[in-house]
């Protein structure tokens, strides 16, 4: 059996709703400042992206409304599930993204949570909102891809 190495990546969850509602322009890998029981819950994939976003404060990036469920084997010292968490990124990256968000009307959206070695990382994307007709086009494209895969599967038999 192969060992999970230091540079291996295991994706825990992807924010599919964000990919539907936003057009992703650029990605950034950030660490998340978590407490002990939060780490254990995230490793069990007990979290949700529902309506979460990233805000740029003077002291760094803040992850807002990202819910991590309480650890099942925790005790009275379990964490709050809806607290604001700090994202860890380099100052130059934060400055560059602050300029883009202020000038061009982009927003920062968490798109993926994964393990890199034994560290929990989050991919944050610089995103622009989609219009209704863009969403319809992506739905149509997804349906056409599904039909094409179905036809290929049936033609192989």
N, C-alpha and C. Protein backbone atom coordinates (compact mmCIF):
# COMPACT_ATOMS: atom_id res chain seq x y z
N UNK A 1 0.84 -1.18 0.00
CA UNK A 1 0.00 0.00 0.00
C UNK A 1 0.89 1.24 0.00
N UNK A 2 0.55 2.21 -0.83
CA UNK A 2 1.36 3.42 -0.96
C UNK A 2 1.12 4.36 0.22
N UNK A 3 2.18 5.01 0.65
CA UNK A 3 2.09 5.99 1.74
C UNK A 3 1.66 7.34 1.17
N UNK A 4 0.97 8.11 2.00
CA UNK A 4 0.59 9.47 1.64
C UNK A 4 1.77 10.37 1.93
N UNK A 5 2.43 10.90 0.89
CA UNK A 5 3.67 11.64 1.05
C UNK A 5 3.48 13.10 1.41
N UNK A 6 4.60 13.78 1.53
CA UNK A 6 4.62 15.19 1.95
C UNK A 6 4.04 16.11 0.88
N UNK A 7 4.24 15.77 -0.40
CA UNK A 7 3.78 16.64 -1.49
C UNK A 7 2.49 16.16 -2.13
N UNK A 8 1.93 15.06 -1.63
CA UNK A 8 0.68 14.55 -2.20
C UNK A 8 -0.49 15.42 -1.77
N UNK A 9 -1.50 15.50 -2.64
CA UNK A 9 -2.68 16.32 -2.38
C UNK A 9 -3.90 15.42 -2.35
N UNK A 10 -4.71 15.56 -1.30
CA UNK A 10 -5.97 14.84 -1.19
C UNK A 10 -7.08 15.87 -1.04
N UNK A 11 -7.93 16.00 -2.05
CA UNK A 11 -9.01 16.98 -2.03
C UNK A 11 -10.12 16.48 -1.12
N UNK A 12 -10.49 17.29 -0.14
CA UNK A 12 -11.55 16.93 0.79
C UNK A 12 -12.92 17.34 0.27
N UNK A 13 -13.03 18.58 -0.24
CA UNK A 13 -14.30 19.07 -0.79
C UNK A 13 -14.03 20.18 -1.78
N UNK A 14 -14.92 20.31 -2.76
CA UNK A 14 -14.86 21.38 -3.75
C UNK A 14 -16.17 22.17 -3.68
N UNK A 15 -16.07 23.48 -3.82
CA UNK A 15 -17.24 24.35 -3.76
C UNK A 15 -17.85 24.43 -5.16
N UNK A 16 -18.70 23.46 -5.51
CA UNK A 16 -19.28 23.40 -6.85
C UNK A 16 -20.24 24.55 -7.12
N UNK A 17 -20.91 25.01 -6.09
CA UNK A 17 -21.85 26.12 -6.27
C UNK A 17 -21.12 27.41 -6.68
N UNK A 18 -19.92 27.60 -6.14
CA UNK A 18 -19.13 28.77 -6.51
C UNK A 18 -18.74 28.72 -7.98
N UNK A 19 -18.40 27.53 -8.47
CA UNK A 19 -18.03 27.41 -9.88
C UNK A 19 -19.23 27.67 -10.79
N UNK A 20 -20.43 27.42 -10.30
CA UNK A 20 -21.63 27.70 -11.08
C UNK A 20 -21.97 29.19 -11.05
N UNK A 21 -21.82 29.85 -9.90
CA UNK A 21 -22.23 31.24 -9.74
C UNK A 21 -21.17 32.25 -10.15
N UNK A 22 -19.90 31.85 -10.21
CA UNK A 22 -18.81 32.78 -10.49
C UNK A 22 -17.92 32.26 -11.60
N UNK A 23 -17.28 33.20 -12.27
CA UNK A 23 -16.24 32.88 -13.24
C UNK A 23 -14.90 33.06 -12.52
N UNK A 24 -14.13 32.00 -12.40
CA UNK A 24 -12.87 32.04 -11.66
C UNK A 24 -11.76 32.61 -12.56
N UNK A 25 -11.03 33.58 -12.02
CA UNK A 25 -9.98 34.24 -12.78
C UNK A 25 -8.60 33.77 -12.34
N UNK A 26 -8.37 33.71 -11.03
CA UNK A 26 -7.05 33.37 -10.51
C UNK A 26 -7.21 32.65 -9.17
N UNK A 27 -6.25 31.77 -8.85
CA UNK A 27 -6.32 30.99 -7.62
C UNK A 27 -5.13 31.29 -6.72
N UNK A 28 -5.35 31.10 -5.41
CA UNK A 28 -4.31 31.28 -4.42
C UNK A 28 -4.45 30.19 -3.37
N UNK A 29 -3.32 29.58 -2.99
CA UNK A 29 -3.32 28.57 -1.94
C UNK A 29 -3.05 29.25 -0.61
N UNK A 30 -3.93 29.00 0.37
CA UNK A 30 -3.79 29.59 1.70
C UNK A 30 -3.85 28.49 2.75
N UNK A 31 -3.21 28.73 3.87
CA UNK A 31 -3.39 27.87 5.02
C UNK A 31 -4.55 28.41 5.84
N UNK A 32 -5.08 27.60 6.74
CA UNK A 32 -6.19 28.02 7.60
C UNK A 32 -5.73 27.89 9.04
N UNK A 33 -5.98 28.93 9.85
CA UNK A 33 -5.66 28.89 11.27
C UNK A 33 -6.81 28.19 11.99
N UNK A 34 -6.58 26.95 12.42
CA UNK A 34 -7.61 26.14 13.06
C UNK A 34 -7.20 25.72 14.45
N UNK A 35 -8.20 25.40 15.29
CA UNK A 35 -7.91 24.82 16.60
C UNK A 35 -7.88 23.30 16.48
N UNK A 36 -7.58 22.59 17.56
CA UNK A 36 -7.40 21.15 17.51
C UNK A 36 -8.61 20.37 17.05
N UNK A 37 -9.79 20.67 17.61
CA UNK A 37 -10.96 19.90 17.23
C UNK A 37 -11.44 20.28 15.83
N UNK A 38 -11.15 21.50 15.37
CA UNK A 38 -11.50 21.89 14.01
C UNK A 38 -10.71 21.07 13.00
N UNK A 39 -9.45 20.83 13.29
CA UNK A 39 -8.60 20.05 12.40
C UNK A 39 -9.18 18.64 12.25
N UNK A 40 -9.59 18.05 13.35
CA UNK A 40 -10.13 16.70 13.30
C UNK A 40 -11.45 16.66 12.52
N UNK A 41 -12.29 17.66 12.68
CA UNK A 41 -13.55 17.71 11.94
C UNK A 41 -13.30 17.91 10.45
N UNK A 42 -12.35 18.76 10.09
CA UNK A 42 -12.05 18.99 8.68
C UNK A 42 -11.49 17.72 8.04
N UNK A 43 -10.65 17.00 8.75
CA UNK A 43 -10.12 15.75 8.21
C UNK A 43 -11.22 14.72 7.97
N UNK A 44 -12.31 14.81 8.73
CA UNK A 44 -13.47 13.94 8.52
C UNK A 44 -14.44 14.52 7.49
N UNK A 45 -14.09 15.64 6.85
CA UNK A 45 -14.91 16.34 5.85
C UNK A 45 -16.26 16.78 6.42
N UNK A 46 -16.25 17.26 7.64
CA UNK A 46 -17.47 17.73 8.29
C UNK A 46 -17.50 19.26 8.28
N UNK A 47 -17.56 19.83 7.08
CA UNK A 47 -17.62 21.28 6.92
C UNK A 47 -18.45 21.60 5.70
N UNK A 48 -18.86 22.87 5.58
CA UNK A 48 -19.65 23.27 4.42
C UNK A 48 -19.26 24.67 3.98
N UNK A 49 -19.34 24.86 2.66
CA UNK A 49 -19.00 26.13 2.04
C UNK A 49 -20.18 27.09 1.96
N UNK A 50 -21.37 26.71 2.38
CA UNK A 50 -22.59 27.45 2.10
C UNK A 50 -22.44 28.95 2.40
N UNK A 51 -22.53 29.76 1.35
CA UNK A 51 -22.48 31.22 1.41
C UNK A 51 -21.21 31.76 2.06
N UNK A 52 -20.13 31.04 2.01
CA UNK A 52 -18.89 31.53 2.62
C UNK A 52 -18.13 32.41 1.62
N UNK A 53 -17.38 33.35 2.15
CA UNK A 53 -16.58 34.25 1.33
C UNK A 53 -15.37 34.69 2.13
N UNK A 54 -14.45 35.35 1.43
CA UNK A 54 -13.21 35.80 2.05
C UNK A 54 -13.21 37.32 2.02
N UNK A 55 -12.85 37.92 3.15
CA UNK A 55 -12.80 39.37 3.29
C UNK A 55 -11.36 39.77 3.58
N UNK A 56 -10.92 40.88 2.97
CA UNK A 56 -9.56 41.36 3.21
C UNK A 56 -9.61 42.45 4.27
N UNK A 57 -8.98 42.18 5.41
CA UNK A 57 -8.87 43.13 6.51
C UNK A 57 -7.45 43.70 6.52
N UNK A 58 -7.21 44.77 7.30
CA UNK A 58 -5.84 45.28 7.41
C UNK A 58 -4.86 44.26 7.97
N UNK A 59 -5.34 43.31 8.78
CA UNK A 59 -4.43 42.31 9.35
C UNK A 59 -4.48 40.98 8.62
N UNK A 60 -5.01 40.93 7.39
CA UNK A 60 -4.94 39.71 6.59
C UNK A 60 -6.29 39.29 6.01
N UNK A 61 -6.34 38.03 5.59
CA UNK A 61 -7.55 37.47 5.00
C UNK A 61 -8.40 36.81 6.08
N UNK A 62 -9.71 37.04 6.03
CA UNK A 62 -10.64 36.44 6.98
C UNK A 62 -11.65 35.59 6.21
N UNK A 63 -11.87 34.38 6.69
CA UNK A 63 -12.84 33.46 6.11
C UNK A 63 -14.13 33.57 6.90
N UNK A 64 -15.20 33.98 6.24
CA UNK A 64 -16.45 34.28 6.91
C UNK A 64 -17.54 33.29 6.48
N UNK A 65 -18.34 32.86 7.45
CA UNK A 65 -19.47 31.94 7.32
C UNK A 65 -19.08 30.59 6.71
N UNK A 66 -17.90 30.11 7.04
CA UNK A 66 -17.45 28.77 6.68
C UNK A 66 -17.71 27.90 7.90
N UNK A 67 -18.61 26.96 7.78
CA UNK A 67 -19.07 26.18 8.92
C UNK A 67 -18.29 24.88 9.05
N UNK A 68 -17.71 24.68 10.21
CA UNK A 68 -17.06 23.40 10.55
C UNK A 68 -17.85 22.81 11.71
N UNK A 69 -18.41 21.64 11.49
CA UNK A 69 -19.24 20.99 12.51
C UNK A 69 -18.39 20.61 13.72
N UNK A 70 -18.98 20.59 14.91
CA UNK A 70 -18.22 20.17 16.10
C UNK A 70 -17.72 18.74 15.95
N UNK A 71 -16.57 18.47 16.52
CA UNK A 71 -15.96 17.15 16.46
C UNK A 71 -16.81 16.16 17.25
N UNK A 72 -17.07 15.00 16.68
CA UNK A 72 -17.99 14.04 17.29
C UNK A 72 -17.47 13.49 18.62
N UNK A 73 -16.16 13.33 18.74
CA UNK A 73 -15.59 12.78 19.97
C UNK A 73 -15.02 13.87 20.87
N UNK A 74 -15.44 15.12 20.61
CA UNK A 74 -14.94 16.24 21.41
C UNK A 74 -15.63 16.31 22.77
N UNK A 75 -15.22 17.30 23.55
CA UNK A 75 -15.81 17.46 24.88
C UNK A 75 -16.32 18.90 25.01
N UNK A 76 -16.36 19.43 26.21
CA UNK A 76 -16.89 20.77 26.43
C UNK A 76 -15.99 21.84 25.82
N UNK A 77 -14.78 21.49 25.47
CA UNK A 77 -13.85 22.45 24.87
C UNK A 77 -13.87 22.41 23.35
N UNK A 78 -14.98 21.93 22.79
CA UNK A 78 -15.13 21.90 21.35
C UNK A 78 -15.20 23.33 20.81
N UNK A 79 -14.97 23.51 19.52
CA UNK A 79 -14.91 24.84 18.90
C UNK A 79 -16.31 25.33 18.52
N UNK A 80 -16.43 26.64 18.27
CA UNK A 80 -17.65 27.21 17.72
C UNK A 80 -17.67 26.89 16.23
N UNK A 81 -18.82 26.50 15.73
CA UNK A 81 -18.87 26.05 14.34
C UNK A 81 -18.85 27.19 13.33
N UNK A 82 -19.25 28.40 13.72
CA UNK A 82 -19.38 29.48 12.74
C UNK A 82 -18.47 30.68 13.03
N UNK A 83 -17.36 30.47 13.65
CA UNK A 83 -16.48 31.59 13.97
C UNK A 83 -15.72 32.06 12.71
N UNK A 84 -15.21 33.29 12.77
CA UNK A 84 -14.41 33.83 11.67
C UNK A 84 -12.99 33.27 11.79
N UNK A 85 -12.50 32.71 10.70
CA UNK A 85 -11.17 32.09 10.71
C UNK A 85 -10.19 32.91 9.88
N UNK A 86 -8.94 32.87 10.28
CA UNK A 86 -7.88 33.60 9.59
C UNK A 86 -7.26 32.71 8.53
N UNK A 87 -7.04 33.27 7.34
CA UNK A 87 -6.34 32.56 6.28
C UNK A 87 -4.90 33.04 6.23
N UNK A 88 -3.99 32.14 5.98
CA UNK A 88 -2.57 32.45 6.01
C UNK A 88 -2.04 32.56 4.59
N UNK A 89 -1.60 33.76 4.22
CA UNK A 89 -1.04 34.01 2.90
C UNK A 89 0.06 35.05 3.02
N UNK A 90 0.87 35.18 1.98
CA UNK A 90 1.96 36.15 2.00
C UNK A 90 1.41 37.56 1.83
N UNK A 91 2.08 38.54 2.46
CA UNK A 91 1.61 39.93 2.44
C UNK A 91 1.55 40.49 1.02
N UNK A 92 2.51 40.14 0.19
CA UNK A 92 2.52 40.65 -1.18
C UNK A 92 1.31 40.14 -1.97
N UNK A 93 0.97 38.89 -1.77
CA UNK A 93 -0.22 38.33 -2.43
C UNK A 93 -1.48 39.04 -1.96
N UNK A 94 -1.57 39.29 -0.66
CA UNK A 94 -2.76 39.96 -0.11
C UNK A 94 -2.88 41.37 -0.68
N UNK A 95 -1.75 42.10 -0.76
CA UNK A 95 -1.78 43.45 -1.33
C UNK A 95 -2.23 43.43 -2.78
N UNK A 96 -1.71 42.47 -3.57
CA UNK A 96 -2.06 42.37 -4.99
C UNK A 96 -3.55 42.09 -5.15
N UNK A 97 -4.07 41.19 -4.34
CA UNK A 97 -5.48 40.84 -4.45
C UNK A 97 -6.38 41.95 -3.93
N UNK A 98 -5.92 42.70 -2.91
CA UNK A 98 -6.71 43.84 -2.42
C UNK A 98 -6.91 44.87 -3.53
N UNK A 99 -5.84 45.15 -4.29
CA UNK A 99 -5.96 46.10 -5.41
C UNK A 99 -6.97 45.62 -6.44
N UNK A 100 -6.92 44.33 -6.78
CA UNK A 100 -7.84 43.81 -7.79
C UNK A 100 -9.29 43.84 -7.30
N UNK A 101 -9.50 43.50 -6.03
CA UNK A 101 -10.87 43.50 -5.49
C UNK A 101 -11.41 44.92 -5.44
N UNK A 102 -10.59 45.90 -5.03
CA UNK A 102 -11.05 47.28 -4.92
C UNK A 102 -11.30 47.91 -6.28
N UNK A 103 -10.41 47.70 -7.23
CA UNK A 103 -10.50 48.39 -8.52
C UNK A 103 -11.51 47.76 -9.47
N UNK A 104 -11.48 46.46 -9.63
CA UNK A 104 -12.21 45.83 -10.71
C UNK A 104 -13.51 45.15 -10.29
N UNK A 105 -13.84 45.19 -9.01
CA UNK A 105 -15.11 44.61 -8.59
C UNK A 105 -15.12 43.10 -8.50
N UNK A 106 -13.99 42.50 -8.28
CA UNK A 106 -13.93 41.05 -8.08
C UNK A 106 -14.30 40.72 -6.64
N UNK A 107 -14.51 39.45 -6.38
CA UNK A 107 -14.73 38.98 -5.02
C UNK A 107 -13.85 37.76 -4.77
N UNK A 108 -13.60 37.45 -3.51
CA UNK A 108 -12.78 36.30 -3.15
C UNK A 108 -13.69 35.20 -2.62
N UNK A 109 -13.58 34.01 -3.22
CA UNK A 109 -14.46 32.90 -2.89
C UNK A 109 -13.61 31.66 -2.57
N UNK A 110 -13.88 30.97 -1.46
CA UNK A 110 -13.19 29.70 -1.21
C UNK A 110 -13.72 28.63 -2.15
N UNK A 111 -12.82 27.94 -2.84
CA UNK A 111 -13.26 26.98 -3.84
C UNK A 111 -12.91 25.53 -3.53
N UNK A 112 -11.88 25.30 -2.72
CA UNK A 112 -11.45 23.93 -2.49
C UNK A 112 -10.75 23.83 -1.14
N UNK A 113 -10.96 22.73 -0.42
CA UNK A 113 -10.23 22.42 0.80
C UNK A 113 -9.55 21.08 0.57
N UNK A 114 -8.26 21.02 0.87
CA UNK A 114 -7.51 19.80 0.62
C UNK A 114 -6.38 19.64 1.62
N UNK A 115 -5.85 18.43 1.67
CA UNK A 115 -4.68 18.12 2.50
C UNK A 115 -3.45 18.10 1.61
N UNK A 116 -2.43 18.83 2.00
CA UNK A 116 -1.13 18.76 1.32
C UNK A 116 -0.16 18.22 2.38
N UNK A 117 0.16 16.95 2.24
CA UNK A 117 0.92 16.29 3.30
C UNK A 117 0.03 16.19 4.52
N UNK A 118 0.45 16.75 5.64
CA UNK A 118 -0.40 16.74 6.84
C UNK A 118 -0.98 18.12 7.14
N UNK A 119 -0.88 19.06 6.20
CA UNK A 119 -1.39 20.41 6.38
C UNK A 119 -2.72 20.58 5.66
N UNK A 120 -3.63 21.34 6.28
CA UNK A 120 -4.92 21.63 5.65
C UNK A 120 -4.80 22.95 4.92
N UNK A 121 -5.08 22.92 3.62
CA UNK A 121 -4.97 24.11 2.77
C UNK A 121 -6.32 24.43 2.16
N UNK A 122 -6.49 25.69 1.78
CA UNK A 122 -7.70 26.12 1.11
C UNK A 122 -7.31 26.88 -0.15
N UNK A 123 -8.00 26.59 -1.23
CA UNK A 123 -7.81 27.34 -2.46
C UNK A 123 -8.84 28.45 -2.49
N UNK A 124 -8.36 29.70 -2.59
CA UNK A 124 -9.22 30.86 -2.67
C UNK A 124 -9.11 31.41 -4.08
N UNK A 125 -10.24 31.71 -4.70
CA UNK A 125 -10.23 32.17 -6.08
C UNK A 125 -10.73 33.60 -6.19
N UNK A 126 -10.09 34.33 -7.07
CA UNK A 126 -10.53 35.66 -7.44
C UNK A 126 -11.62 35.45 -8.48
N UNK A 127 -12.85 35.91 -8.19
CA UNK A 127 -13.99 35.54 -9.02
C UNK A 127 -14.79 36.77 -9.44
N UNK A 128 -15.42 36.63 -10.59
CA UNK A 128 -16.33 37.64 -11.12
C UNK A 128 -17.70 36.97 -11.26
N UNK A 129 -18.76 37.61 -10.81
CA UNK A 129 -20.09 37.02 -10.85
C UNK A 129 -20.58 36.77 -12.26
N UNK A 130 -21.28 35.66 -12.46
CA UNK A 130 -21.85 35.33 -13.76
C UNK A 130 -23.23 35.96 -13.90
N UNK A 131 -23.58 36.30 -15.13
CA UNK A 131 -24.92 36.77 -15.44
C UNK A 131 -25.83 35.56 -15.62
N UNK A 132 -27.13 35.78 -15.67
CA UNK A 132 -28.10 34.69 -15.80
C UNK A 132 -27.89 33.92 -17.10
N UNK A 133 -27.61 34.62 -18.20
CA UNK A 133 -27.43 33.93 -19.47
C UNK A 133 -26.15 33.08 -19.47
N UNK A 134 -25.13 33.50 -18.71
CA UNK A 134 -23.93 32.68 -18.59
C UNK A 134 -24.22 31.40 -17.83
N UNK A 135 -25.06 31.48 -16.80
CA UNK A 135 -25.42 30.29 -16.03
C UNK A 135 -26.21 29.32 -16.90
N UNK A 136 -27.11 29.87 -17.73
CA UNK A 136 -27.88 29.01 -18.62
C UNK A 136 -26.97 28.32 -19.62
N UNK A 137 -25.98 29.05 -20.12
CA UNK A 137 -25.04 28.45 -21.08
C UNK A 137 -24.23 27.33 -20.43
N UNK A 138 -23.82 27.52 -19.18
CA UNK A 138 -23.06 26.46 -18.52
C UNK A 138 -23.94 25.24 -18.24
N UNK A 139 -25.23 25.45 -17.91
CA UNK A 139 -26.14 24.33 -17.75
C UNK A 139 -26.32 23.57 -19.06
N UNK A 140 -26.47 24.30 -20.15
CA UNK A 140 -26.65 23.68 -21.46
C UNK A 140 -25.41 22.89 -21.85
N UNK A 141 -24.24 23.45 -21.59
CA UNK A 141 -22.98 22.77 -21.90
C UNK A 141 -22.83 21.50 -21.07
N UNK A 142 -23.19 21.55 -19.81
CA UNK A 142 -23.10 20.39 -18.94
C UNK A 142 -24.04 19.28 -19.41
N UNK A 143 -25.27 19.65 -19.83
CA UNK A 143 -26.21 18.65 -20.33
C UNK A 143 -25.72 18.02 -21.62
N UNK A 144 -25.12 18.82 -22.51
CA UNK A 144 -24.59 18.28 -23.76
C UNK A 144 -23.43 17.33 -23.49
N UNK A 145 -22.57 17.66 -22.54
CA UNK A 145 -21.46 16.77 -22.19
C UNK A 145 -21.99 15.45 -21.63
N UNK A 146 -23.00 15.52 -20.79
CA UNK A 146 -23.58 14.31 -20.22
C UNK A 146 -24.18 13.43 -21.31
N UNK A 147 -24.90 14.05 -22.27
CA UNK A 147 -25.48 13.28 -23.37
C UNK A 147 -24.40 12.65 -24.24
N UNK A 148 -23.32 13.38 -24.48
CA UNK A 148 -22.23 12.84 -25.30
C UNK A 148 -21.57 11.66 -24.60
N UNK A 149 -21.37 11.75 -23.29
CA UNK A 149 -20.79 10.63 -22.55
C UNK A 149 -21.72 9.41 -22.59
N UNK A 150 -23.02 9.66 -22.48
CA UNK A 150 -24.00 8.57 -22.52
C UNK A 150 -23.96 7.88 -23.89
N UNK A 151 -23.89 8.67 -24.97
CA UNK A 151 -23.81 8.10 -26.32
C UNK A 151 -22.53 7.29 -26.51
N UNK A 152 -21.42 7.80 -25.99
CA UNK A 152 -20.15 7.07 -26.11
C UNK A 152 -20.23 5.75 -25.34
N UNK A 153 -20.85 5.77 -24.19
CA UNK A 153 -20.96 4.55 -23.38
C UNK A 153 -21.82 3.53 -24.09
N UNK A 154 -22.94 3.99 -24.70
CA UNK A 154 -23.81 3.05 -25.39
C UNK A 154 -23.18 2.52 -26.67
N UNK A 155 -22.37 3.34 -27.34
CA UNK A 155 -21.74 2.89 -28.60
C UNK A 155 -20.62 1.88 -28.33
N UNK A 156 -20.09 1.85 -27.13
CA UNK A 156 -19.03 0.90 -26.81
C UNK A 156 -19.55 -0.51 -26.59
N UNK A 157 -20.87 -0.65 -26.37
CA UNK A 157 -21.42 -1.98 -26.12
C UNK A 157 -21.85 -2.65 -27.38
